[in-house]
Amino acid sequence: MAEAAAQTGDLLTAAAQLSVIRNRAGLAPSPATTADALVADIVLQRRLELACEGQHWVGLRRTNTIRTALPTCPQTFRNLFPIPAREVNITGGVITQNAGF
């Protein structure tokens, strides 16, 4: 919820939702004041909160930050998810599959 609010420009809601998690962990409210800084802090808190649950890779793909976080990852096509074959097929060629899938 915090990330969606930050992405849409509702920084007050984003900061409030992030503070809920940070307060529970005994941390001070986030010092971030811009949308980009809030999203970065939210992604970090999500990574820490969901450590060892296998969500980090999905988060990197969702935020398109694989190349930033893992610059040695040679497979750039993995930055995108594959489009379901059904969706590609029913469009009659309007939508094409992401490269590499």
PDB file of N, CA and C in Angstrom:
ATOM      1  N   MET A   1       0.829  -1.185   0.000  1.00  0.00           N
ATOM      2  CA  MET A   1       0.000   0.000   0.000  1.00  0.00           C
ATOM      3  C   MET A   1       0.876   1.253   0.000  1.00  0.00           C
ATOM      4  N   ALA A   2       1.944   1.207   0.778  1.00  0.00           N
ATOM      5  CA  ALA A   2       2.839   2.353   0.845  1.00  0.00           C
ATOM      6  C   ALA A   2       3.508   2.605  -0.497  1.00  0.00           C
ATOM      7  N   GLU A   3       3.943   1.542  -1.150  1.00  0.00           N
ATOM      8  CA  GLU A   3       4.602   1.708  -2.443  1.00  0.00           C
ATOM      9  C   GLU A   3       3.652   2.262  -3.493  1.00  0.00           C
ATOM     10  N   ALA A   4       2.428   1.757  -3.523  1.00  0.00           N
ATOM     11  CA  ALA A   4       1.443   2.255  -4.480  1.00  0.00           C
ATOM     12  C   ALA A   4       1.157   3.730  -4.236  1.00  0.00           C
ATOM     13  N   ALA A   5       1.044   4.111  -2.979  1.00  0.00           N
ATOM     14  CA  ALA A   5       0.790   5.514  -2.660  1.00  0.00           C
ATOM     15  C   ALA A   5       1.969   6.385  -3.102  1.00  0.00           C
ATOM     16  N   ALA A   6       3.176   5.925  -2.872  1.00  0.00           N
ATOM     17  CA  ALA A   6       4.352   6.709  -3.269  1.00  0.00           C
ATOM     18  C   ALA A   6       4.445   6.823  -4.787  1.00  0.00           C
ATOM     19  N   GLN A   7       4.129   5.740  -5.483  1.00  0.00           N
ATOM     20  CA  GLN A   7       4.207   5.750  -6.947  1.00  0.00           C
ATOM     21  C   GLN A   7       3.163   6.688  -7.554  1.00  0.00           C
ATOM     22  N   THR A   8       2.063   6.888  -6.873  1.00  0.00           N
ATOM     23  CA  THR A   8       1.012   7.760  -7.397  1.00  0.00           C
ATOM     24  C   THR A   8       1.087   9.178  -6.840  1.00  0.00           C
ATOM     25  N   GLY A   9       2.103   9.465  -6.048  1.00  0.00           N
ATOM     26  CA  GLY A   9       2.301  10.825  -5.563  1.00  0.00           C
ATOM     27  C   GLY A   9       1.670  11.143  -4.224  1.00  0.00           C
ATOM     28  N   ASP A  10       1.035  10.174  -3.581  1.00  0.00           N
ATOM     29  CA  ASP A  10       0.425  10.400  -2.271  1.00  0.00           C
ATOM     30  C   ASP A  10       1.474  10.126  -1.192  1.00  0.00           C
ATOM     31  N   LEU A  11       2.369  11.076  -1.003  1.00  0.00           N
ATOM     32  CA  LEU A  11       3.508  10.858  -0.122  1.00  0.00           C
ATOM     33  C   LEU A  11       3.126  10.774   1.349  1.00  0.00           C
ATOM     34  N   LEU A  12       2.069  11.457   1.751  1.00  0.00           N
ATOM     35  CA  LEU A  12       1.644  11.397   3.157  1.00  0.00           C
ATOM     36  C   LEU A  12       1.171   9.997   3.527  1.00  0.00           C
ATOM     37  N   THR A  13       0.355   9.397   2.664  1.00  0.00           N
ATOM     38  CA  THR A  13      -0.115   8.037   2.918  1.00  0.00           C
ATOM     39  C   THR A  13       1.042   7.055   2.882  1.00  0.00           C
ATOM     40  N   ALA A  14       1.938   7.227   1.914  1.00  0.00           N
ATOM     41  CA  ALA A  14       3.091   6.333   1.801  1.00  0.00           C
ATOM     42  C   ALA A  14       3.952   6.394   3.059  1.00  0.00           C
ATOM     43  N   ALA A  15       4.231   7.595   3.526  1.00  0.00           N
ATOM     44  CA  ALA A  15       5.053   7.754   4.728  1.00  0.00           C
ATOM     45  C   ALA A  15       4.341   7.182   5.953  1.00  0.00           C
ATOM     46  N   ALA A  16       3.037   7.377   6.042  1.00  0.00           N
ATOM     47  CA  ALA A  16       2.288   6.846   7.180  1.00  0.00           C
ATOM     48  C   ALA A  16       2.300   5.324   7.193  1.00  0.00           C
ATOM     49  N   GLN A  17       2.100   4.709   6.017  1.00  0.00           N
ATOM     50  CA  GLN A  17       2.100   3.244   5.939  1.00  0.00           C
ATOM     51  C   GLN A  17       3.491   2.673   6.219  1.00  0.00           C
ATOM     52  N   LEU A  18       4.504   3.346   5.732  1.00  0.00           N
ATOM     53  CA  LEU A  18       5.872   2.900   6.000  1.00  0.00           C
ATOM     54  C   LEU A  18       6.196   3.041   7.479  1.00  0.00           C
ATOM     55  N   SER A  19       5.701   4.081   8.107  1.00  0.00           N
ATOM     56  CA  SER A  19       5.949   4.291   9.534  1.00  0.00           C
ATOM     57  C   SER A  19       5.351   3.187  10.389  1.00  0.00           C
ATOM     58  N   VAL A  20       4.255   2.607   9.957  1.00  0.00           N
ATOM     59  CA  VAL A  20       3.649   1.498  10.706  1.00  0.00           C
ATOM     60  C   VAL A  20       4.656   0.361  10.841  1.00  0.00           C
ATOM     61  N   ILE A  21       5.300   0.008   9.734  1.00  0.00           N
ATOM     62  CA  ILE A  21       6.282  -1.078   9.743  1.00  0.00           C
ATOM     63  C   ILE A  21       7.525  -0.676  10.540  1.00  0.00           C
ATOM     64  N   ARG A  22       8.009   0.533  10.303  1.00  0.00           N
ATOM     65  CA  ARG A  22       9.226   0.981  10.982  1.00  0.00           C
ATOM     66  C   ARG A  22       8.998   1.113  12.489  1.00  0.00           C
ATOM     67  N   ASN A  23       7.820   1.600  12.900  1.00  0.00           N
ATOM     68  CA  ASN A  23       7.522   1.728  14.334  1.00  0.00           C
ATOM     69  C   ASN A  23       7.473   0.361  15.004  1.00  0.00           C
ATOM     70  N   ARG A  24       6.870  -0.605  14.316  1.00  0.00           N
ATOM     71  CA  ARG A  24       6.786  -1.960  14.873  1.00  0.00           C
ATOM     72  C   ARG A  24       8.173  -2.549  15.076  1.00  0.00           C
ATOM     73  N   ALA A  25       9.117  -2.171  14.213  1.00  0.00           N
ATOM     74  CA  ALA A  25      10.488  -2.669  14.313  1.00  0.00           C
ATOM     75  C   ALA A  25      11.338  -1.834  15.268  1.00  0.00           C
ATOM     76  N   GLY A  26      10.736  -0.788  15.841  1.00  0.00           N
ATOM     77  CA  GLY A  26      11.469   0.056  16.774  1.00  0.00           C
ATOM     78  C   GLY A  26      12.353   1.090  16.098  1.00  0.00           C
ATOM     79  N   LEU A  27      12.044   1.399  14.840  1.00  0.00           N
ATOM     80  CA  LEU A  27      12.827   2.378  14.091  1.00  0.00           C
ATOM     81  C   LEU A  27      12.111   3.725  14.062  1.00  0.00           C
ATOM     82  N   ALA A  28      12.875   4.764  13.831  1.00  0.00           N
ATOM     83  CA  ALA A  28      12.307   6.104  13.683  1.00  0.00           C
ATOM     84  C   ALA A  28      11.608   6.199  12.329  1.00  0.00           C
ATOM     85  N   PRO A  29      10.699   7.147  12.161  1.00  0.00           N
ATOM     86  CA  PRO A  29      10.060   7.326  10.857  1.00  0.00           C
ATOM     87  C   PRO A  29      11.103   7.567   9.762  1.00  0.00           C
ATOM     88  N   SER A  30      10.763   7.213   8.565  1.00  0.00           N
ATOM     89  CA  SER A  30      11.671   7.364   7.436  1.00  0.00           C
ATOM     90  C   SER A  30      11.977   8.835   7.184  1.00  0.00           C
ATOM     91  N   PRO A  31      13.230   9.177   6.945  1.00  0.00           N
ATOM     92  CA  PRO A  31      13.589  10.561   6.643  1.00  0.00           C
ATOM     93  C   PRO A  31      13.316  10.931   5.179  1.00  0.00           C
ATOM     94  N   ALA A  32      12.875   9.981   4.374  1.00  0.00           N
ATOM     95  CA  ALA A  32      12.641  10.221   2.947  1.00  0.00           C
ATOM     96  C   ALA A  32      11.531  11.251   2.746  1.00  0.00           C
ATOM     97  N   THR A  33      11.754  12.165   1.804  1.00  0.00           N
ATOM     98  CA  THR A  33      10.762  13.204   1.531  1.00  0.00           C
ATOM     99  C   THR A  33      10.307  13.228   0.076  1.00  0.00           C
ATOM    100  N   THR A  34      10.986  12.492  -0.798  1.00  0.00           N
ATOM    101  CA  THR A  34      10.584  12.441  -2.206  1.00  0.00           C
ATOM    102  C   THR A  34      10.009  11.073  -2.515  1.00  0.00           C
ATOM    103  N   ALA A  35       9.282  10.981  -3.615  1.00  0.00           N
ATOM    104  CA  ALA A  35       8.669   9.713  -4.001  1.00  0.00           C
ATOM    105  C   ALA A  35       9.734   8.646  -4.243  1.00  0.00           C
ATOM    106  N   ASP A  36      10.803   9.008  -4.938  1.00  0.00           N
ATOM    107  CA  ASP A  36      11.861   8.035  -5.218  1.00  0.00           C
ATOM    108  C   ASP A  36      12.531   7.537  -3.945  1.00  0.00           C
ATOM    109  N   ALA A  37      12.785   8.446  -3.025  1.00  0.00           N
ATOM    110  CA  ALA A  37      13.411   8.060  -1.767  1.00  0.00           C
ATOM    111  C   ALA A  37      12.477   7.189  -0.934  1.00  0.00           C
ATOM    112  N   LEU A  38      11.194   7.516  -0.942  1.00  0.00           N
ATOM    113  CA  LEU A  38      10.225   6.689  -0.209  1.00  0.00           C
ATOM    114  C   LEU A  38      10.138   5.295  -0.801  1.00  0.00           C
ATOM    115  N   VAL A  39      10.072   5.208  -2.125  1.00  0.00           N
ATOM    116  CA  VAL A  39       9.996   3.887  -2.771  1.00  0.00           C
ATOM    117  C   VAL A  39      11.244   3.078  -2.440  1.00  0.00           C
ATOM    118  N   ALA A  40      12.415   3.717  -2.480  1.00  0.00           N
ATOM    119  CA  ALA A  40      13.649   3.006  -2.149  1.00  0.00           C
ATOM    120  C   ALA A  40      13.617   2.488  -0.716  1.00  0.00           C
ATOM    121  N   ASP A  41      13.120   3.305   0.214  1.00  0.00           N
ATOM    122  CA  ASP A  41      13.033   2.879   1.612  1.00  0.00           C
ATOM    123  C   ASP A  41      11.982   1.780   1.783  1.00  0.00           C
ATOM    124  N   ILE A  42      10.887   1.873   1.072  1.00  0.00           N
ATOM    125  CA  ILE A  42       9.836   0.856   1.148  1.00  0.00           C
ATOM    126  C   ILE A  42      10.367  -0.477   0.631  1.00  0.00           C
ATOM    127  N   VAL A  43      11.082  -0.438  -0.505  1.00  0.00           N
ATOM    128  CA  VAL A  43      11.642  -1.667  -1.065  1.00  0.00           C
ATOM    129  C   VAL A  43      12.649  -2.279  -0.092  1.00  0.00           C
ATOM    130  N   LEU A  44      13.475  -1.443   0.545  1.00  0.00           N
ATOM    131  CA  LEU A  44      14.428  -1.950   1.529  1.00  0.00           C
ATOM    132  C   LEU A  44      13.706  -2.597   2.708  1.00  0.00           C
ATOM    133  N   GLN A  45      12.685  -1.920   3.240  1.00  0.00           N
ATOM    134  CA  GLN A  45      11.944  -2.476   4.370  1.00  0.00           C
ATOM    135  C   GLN A  45      11.246  -3.778   3.987  1.00  0.00           C
ATOM    136  N   ARG A  46      10.749  -3.840   2.757  1.00  0.00           N
ATOM    137  CA  ARG A  46      10.112  -5.075   2.279  1.00  0.00           C
ATOM    138  C   ARG A  46      11.129  -6.203   2.213  1.00  0.00           C
ATOM    139  N   ARG A  47      12.321  -5.875   1.729  1.00  0.00           N
ATOM    140  CA  ARG A  47      13.378  -6.886   1.646  1.00  0.00           C
ATOM    141  C   ARG A  47      13.739  -7.403   3.033  1.00  0.00           C
ATOM    142  N   LEU A  48      13.868  -6.499   3.996  1.00  0.00           N
ATOM    143  CA  LEU A  48      14.207  -6.911   5.357  1.00  0.00           C
ATOM    144  C   LEU A  48      13.071  -7.683   6.014  1.00  0.00           C
ATOM    145  N   GLU A  49      11.848  -7.224   5.786  1.00  0.00           N
ATOM    146  CA  GLU A  49      10.680  -7.859   6.411  1.00  0.00           C
ATOM    147  C   GLU A  49      10.440  -9.272   5.868  1.00  0.00           C
ATOM    148  N   LEU A  50      10.701  -9.453   4.578  1.00  0.00           N
ATOM    149  CA  LEU A  50      10.432 -10.743   3.944  1.00  0.00           C
ATOM    150  C   LEU A  50      11.711 -11.530   3.642  1.00  0.00           C
ATOM    151  N   ALA A  51      12.742 -11.282   4.438  1.00  0.00           N
ATOM    152  CA  ALA A  51      14.009 -11.993   4.231  1.00  0.00           C
ATOM    153  C   ALA A  51      13.772 -13.494   4.292  1.00  0.00           C
ATOM    154  N   CYS A  52      14.428 -14.219   3.428  1.00  0.00           N
ATOM    155  CA  CYS A  52      14.375 -15.683   3.364  1.00  0.00           C
ATOM    156  C   CYS A  52      13.028 -16.218   2.903  1.00  0.00           C
ATOM    157  N   GLU A  53      12.171 -15.386   2.331  1.00  0.00           N
ATOM    158  CA  GLU A  53      10.882 -15.851   1.828  1.00  0.00           C
ATOM    159  C   GLU A  53      10.838 -15.865   0.304  1.00  0.00           C
ATOM    160  N   GLY A  54      11.955 -15.565  -0.349  1.00  0.00           N
ATOM    161  CA  GLY A  54      12.029 -15.642  -1.798  1.00  0.00           C
ATOM    162  C   GLY A  54      11.323 -14.529  -2.540  1.00  0.00           C
ATOM    163  N   GLN A  55      11.094 -13.403  -1.909  1.00  0.00           N
ATOM    164  CA  GLN A  55      10.368 -12.307  -2.539  1.00  0.00           C
ATOM    165  C   GLN A  55      11.274 -11.239  -3.145  1.00  0.00           C
ATOM    166  N   HIS A  56      12.571 -11.291  -2.848  1.00  0.00           N
ATOM    167  CA  HIS A  56      13.467 -10.226  -3.303  1.00  0.00           C
ATOM    168  C   HIS A  56      13.567 -10.188  -4.827  1.00  0.00           C
ATOM    169  N   TRP A  57      13.723 -11.342  -5.462  1.00  0.00           N
ATOM    170  CA  TRP A  57      13.843 -11.380  -6.925  1.00  0.00           C
ATOM    171  C   TRP A  57      12.579 -10.844  -7.587  1.00  0.00           C
ATOM    172  N   VAL A  58      11.438 -11.208  -7.063  1.00  0.00           N
ATOM    173  CA  VAL A  58      10.165 -10.721  -7.610  1.00  0.00           C
ATOM    174  C   VAL A  58      10.086  -9.206  -7.462  1.00  0.00           C
ATOM    175  N   GLY A  59      10.504  -8.690  -6.331  1.00  0.00           N
ATOM    176  CA  GLY A  59      10.503  -7.246  -6.119  1.00  0.00           C
ATOM    177  C   GLY A  59      11.444  -6.518  -7.064  1.00  0.00           C
ATOM    178  N   LEU A  60      12.603  -7.110  -7.314  1.00  0.00           N
ATOM    179  CA  LEU A  60      13.538  -6.501  -8.258  1.00  0.00           C
ATOM    180  C   LEU A  60      12.946  -6.468  -9.661  1.00  0.00           C
ATOM    181  N   ARG A  61      12.276  -7.535 -10.049  1.00  0.00           N
ATOM    182  CA  ARG A  61      11.651  -7.570 -11.372  1.00  0.00           C
ATOM    183  C   ARG A  61      10.502  -6.570 -11.458  1.00  0.00           C
ATOM    184  N   ARG A  62       9.707  -6.522 -10.403  1.00  0.00           N
ATOM    185  CA  ARG A  62       8.542  -5.636 -10.403  1.00  0.00           C
ATOM    186  C   ARG A  62       8.945  -4.171 -10.484  1.00  0.00           C
ATOM    187  N   THR A  63      10.026  -3.815  -9.828  1.00  0.00           N
ATOM    188  CA  THR A  63      10.470  -2.428  -9.823  1.00  0.00           C
ATOM    189  C   THR A  63      11.506  -2.137 -10.909  1.00  0.00           C
ATOM    190  N   ASN A  64      11.827  -3.152 -11.715  1.00  0.00           N
ATOM    191  CA  ASN A  64      12.786  -3.041 -12.818  1.00  0.00           C
ATOM    192  C   ASN A  64      14.145  -2.522 -12.322  1.00  0.00           C
ATOM    193  N   THR A  65      14.618  -3.102 -11.214  1.00  0.00           N
ATOM    194  CA  THR A  65      15.894  -2.692 -10.643  1.00  0.00           C
ATOM    195  C   THR A  65      16.895  -3.839 -10.571  1.00  0.00           C
ATOM    196  N   ILE A  66      16.703  -4.863 -11.380  1.00  0.00           N
ATOM    197  CA  ILE A  66      17.627  -5.997 -11.366  1.00  0.00           C
ATOM    198  C   ILE A  66      19.030  -5.548 -11.742  1.00  0.00           C
ATOM    199  N   ARG A  67      19.165  -4.776 -12.809  1.00  0.00           N
ATOM    200  CA  ARG A  67      20.490  -4.361 -13.273  1.00  0.00           C
ATOM    201  C   ARG A  67      21.181  -3.466 -12.246  1.00  0.00           C
ATOM    202  N   THR A  68      20.430  -2.712 -11.477  1.00  0.00           N
ATOM    203  CA  THR A  68      21.019  -1.865 -10.448  1.00  0.00           C
ATOM    204  C   THR A  68      21.491  -2.707  -9.265  1.00  0.00           C
ATOM    205  N   ALA A  69      20.643  -3.617  -8.815  1.00  0.00           N
ATOM    206  CA  ALA A  69      20.962  -4.431  -7.646  1.00  0.00           C
ATOM    207  C   ALA A  69      21.956  -5.537  -7.964  1.00  0.00           C
ATOM    208  N   LEU A  70      21.865  -6.090  -9.161  1.00  0.00           N
ATOM    209  CA  LEU A  70      22.733  -7.201  -9.563  1.00  0.00           C
ATOM    210  C   LEU A  70      23.392  -6.887 -10.902  1.00  0.00           C
ATOM    211  N   PRO A  71      24.373  -5.999 -10.919  1.00  0.00           N
ATOM    212  CA  PRO A  71      24.963  -5.587 -12.198  1.00  0.00           C
ATOM    213  C   PRO A  71      25.668  -6.706 -12.945  1.00  0.00           C
ATOM    214  N   THR A  72      25.979  -7.803 -12.289  1.00  0.00           N
ATOM    215  CA  THR A  72      26.659  -8.905 -12.970  1.00  0.00           C
ATOM    216  C   THR A  72      25.689  -9.903 -13.581  1.00  0.00           C
ATOM    217  N   CYS A  73      24.405  -9.683 -13.429  1.00  0.00           N
ATOM    218  CA  CYS A  73      23.402 -10.589 -14.008  1.00  0.00           C
ATOM    219  C   CYS A  73      23.394 -10.379 -15.527  1.00  0.00           C
ATOM    220  N   PRO A  74      23.842 -11.379 -16.302  1.00  0.00           N
ATOM    221  CA  PRO A  74      23.994 -11.178 -17.745  1.00  0.00           C
ATOM    222  C   PRO A  74      22.702 -11.300 -18.549  1.00  0.00           C
ATOM    223  N   GLN A  75      21.663 -11.820 -17.962  1.00  0.00           N
ATOM    224  CA  GLN A  75      20.438 -12.090 -18.708  1.00  0.00           C
ATOM    225  C   GLN A  75      19.453 -10.928 -18.558  1.00  0.00           C
ATOM    226  N   THR A  76      19.600  -9.917 -19.422  1.00  0.00           N
ATOM    227  CA  THR A  76      18.759  -8.727 -19.300  1.00  0.00           C
ATOM    228  C   THR A  76      17.297  -9.013 -19.594  1.00  0.00           C
ATOM    229  N   PHE A  77      16.989 -10.070 -20.345  1.00  0.00           N
ATOM    230  CA  PHE A  77      15.587 -10.370 -20.620  1.00  0.00           C
ATOM    231  C   PHE A  77      14.845 -10.749 -19.347  1.00  0.00           C
ATOM    232  N   ARG A  78      15.555 -11.125 -18.313  1.00  0.00           N
ATOM    233  CA  ARG A  78      14.895 -11.497 -17.058  1.00  0.00           C
ATOM    234  C   ARG A  78      14.370 -10.281 -16.295  1.00  0.00           C
ATOM    235  N   ASN A  79      14.605  -9.077 -16.800  1.00  0.00           N
ATOM    236  CA  ASN A  79      14.042  -7.877 -16.180  1.00  0.00           C
ATOM    237  C   ASN A  79      12.542  -7.832 -16.338  1.00  0.00           C
ATOM    238  N   LEU A  80      12.004  -8.535 -17.319  1.00  0.00           N
ATOM    239  CA  LEU A  80      10.565  -8.545 -17.582  1.00  0.00           C
ATOM    240  C   LEU A  80       9.992  -9.922 -17.323  1.00  0.00           C
ATOM    241  N   PHE A  81       8.719  -9.958 -16.985  1.00  0.00           N
ATOM    242  CA  PHE A  81       8.015 -11.223 -16.868  1.00  0.00           C
ATOM    243  C   PHE A  81       7.536 -11.646 -18.246  1.00  0.00           C
ATOM    244  N   PRO A  82       7.366 -12.942 -18.482  1.00  0.00           N
ATOM    245  CA  PRO A  82       6.791 -13.349 -19.764  1.00  0.00           C
ATOM    246  C   PRO A  82       5.310 -12.982 -19.802  1.00  0.00           C
ATOM    247  N   ILE A  83       4.833 -12.644 -20.978  1.00  0.00           N
ATOM    248  CA  ILE A  83       3.404 -12.383 -21.155  1.00  0.00           C
ATOM    249  C   ILE A  83       2.734 -13.747 -21.330  1.00  0.00           C
ATOM    250  N   PRO A  84       1.640 -14.008 -20.627  1.00  0.00           N
ATOM    251  CA  PRO A  84       0.985 -15.308 -20.787  1.00  0.00           C
ATOM    252  C   PRO A  84       0.663 -15.590 -22.255  1.00  0.00           C
ATOM    253  N   ALA A  85       0.924 -16.821 -22.677  1.00  0.00           N
ATOM    254  CA  ALA A  85       0.718 -17.214 -24.079  1.00  0.00           C
ATOM    255  C   ALA A  85      -0.720 -16.948 -24.518  1.00  0.00           C
ATOM    256  N   ARG A  86      -1.665 -17.162 -23.648  1.00  0.00           N
ATOM    257  CA  ARG A  86      -3.072 -16.923 -23.982  1.00  0.00           C
ATOM    258  C   ARG A  86      -3.292 -15.477 -24.399  1.00  0.00           C
ATOM    259  N   GLU A  87      -2.671 -14.540 -23.667  1.00  0.00           N
ATOM    260  CA  GLU A  87      -2.819 -13.112 -23.971  1.00  0.00           C
ATOM    261  C   GLU A  87      -2.191 -12.766 -25.321  1.00  0.00           C
ATOM    262  N   VAL A  88      -1.061 -13.377 -25.618  1.00  0.00           N
ATOM    263  CA  VAL A  88      -0.402 -13.130 -26.897  1.00  0.00           C
ATOM    264  C   VAL A  88      -1.259 -13.689 -28.033  1.00  0.00           C
ATOM    265  N   ASN A  89      -1.788 -14.889 -27.844  1.00  0.00           N
ATOM    266  CA  ASN A  89      -2.551 -15.564 -28.899  1.00  0.00           C
ATOM    267  C   ASN A  89      -3.870 -14.873 -29.229  1.00  0.00           C
ATOM    268  N   ILE A  90      -4.582 -14.375 -28.231  1.00  0.00           N
ATOM    269  CA  ILE A  90      -5.906 -13.808 -28.508  1.00  0.00           C
ATOM    270  C   ILE A  90      -5.852 -12.422 -29.125  1.00  0.00           C
ATOM    271  N   THR A  91      -4.672 -11.795 -29.139  1.00  0.00           N
ATOM    272  CA  THR A  91      -4.579 -10.458 -29.723  1.00  0.00           C
ATOM    273  C   THR A  91      -4.301 -10.484 -31.219  1.00  0.00           C
ATOM    274  N   GLY A  92      -4.051 -11.649 -31.769  1.00  0.00           N
ATOM    275  CA  GLY A  92      -3.825 -11.749 -33.206  1.00  0.00           C
ATOM    276  C   GLY A  92      -2.580 -11.013 -33.678  1.00  0.00           C
ATOM    277  N   GLY A  93      -1.520 -11.020 -32.876  1.00  0.00           N
ATOM    278  CA  GLY A  93      -0.276 -10.389 -33.284  1.00  0.00           C
ATOM    279  C   GLY A  93      -0.087  -8.959 -32.805  1.00  0.00           C
ATOM    280  N   VAL A  94      -1.082  -8.384 -32.138  1.00  0.00           N
ATOM    281  CA  VAL A  94      -0.941  -7.021 -31.628  1.00  0.00           C
ATOM    282  C   VAL A  94       0.082  -6.991 -30.491  1.00  0.00           C
ATOM    283  N   ILE A  95       0.018  -7.992 -29.623  1.00  0.00           N
ATOM    284  CA  ILE A  95       0.968  -8.119 -28.525  1.00  0.00           C
ATOM    285  C   ILE A  95       1.943  -9.221 -28.882  1.00  0.00           C
ATOM    286  N   THR A  96       3.216  -8.950 -28.715  1.00  0.00           N
ATOM    287  CA  THR A  96       4.237  -9.977 -28.946  1.00  0.00           C
ATOM    288  C   THR A  96       4.891 -10.328 -27.615  1.00  0.00           C
ATOM    289  N   GLN A  97       5.389 -11.531 -27.541  1.00  0.00           N
ATOM    290  CA  GLN A  97       6.034 -12.016 -26.320  1.00  0.00           C
ATOM    291  C   GLN A  97       7.300 -11.207 -26.053  1.00  0.00           C
ATOM    292  N   ASN A  98       7.593 -10.971 -24.792  1.00  0.00           N
ATOM    293  CA  ASN A  98       8.833 -10.304 -24.403  1.00  0.00           C
ATOM    294  C   ASN A  98      10.015 -11.136 -24.886  1.00  0.00           C
ATOM    295  N   ALA A  99      11.050 -10.478 -25.323  1.00  0.00           N
ATOM    296  CA  ALA A  99      12.223 -11.163 -25.853  1.00  0.00           C
ATOM    297  C   ALA A  99      12.809 -12.113 -24.813  1.00  0.00           C
ATOM    298  N   GLY A 100      13.226 -13.286 -25.267  1.00  0.00           N
ATOM    299  CA  GLY A 100      13.838 -14.277 -24.382  1.00  0.00           C
ATOM    300  C   GLY A 100      12.881 -15.306 -23.841  1.00  0.00           C
ATOM    301  N   PHE A 101      11.591 -15.137 -24.074  1.00  0.00           N
ATOM    302  CA  PHE A 101      10.601 -16.095 -23.568  1.00  0.00           C
ATOM    303  C   PHE A 101       9.888 -16.768 -24.708  1.00  0.00           C
TER     304      PHE A 101
END
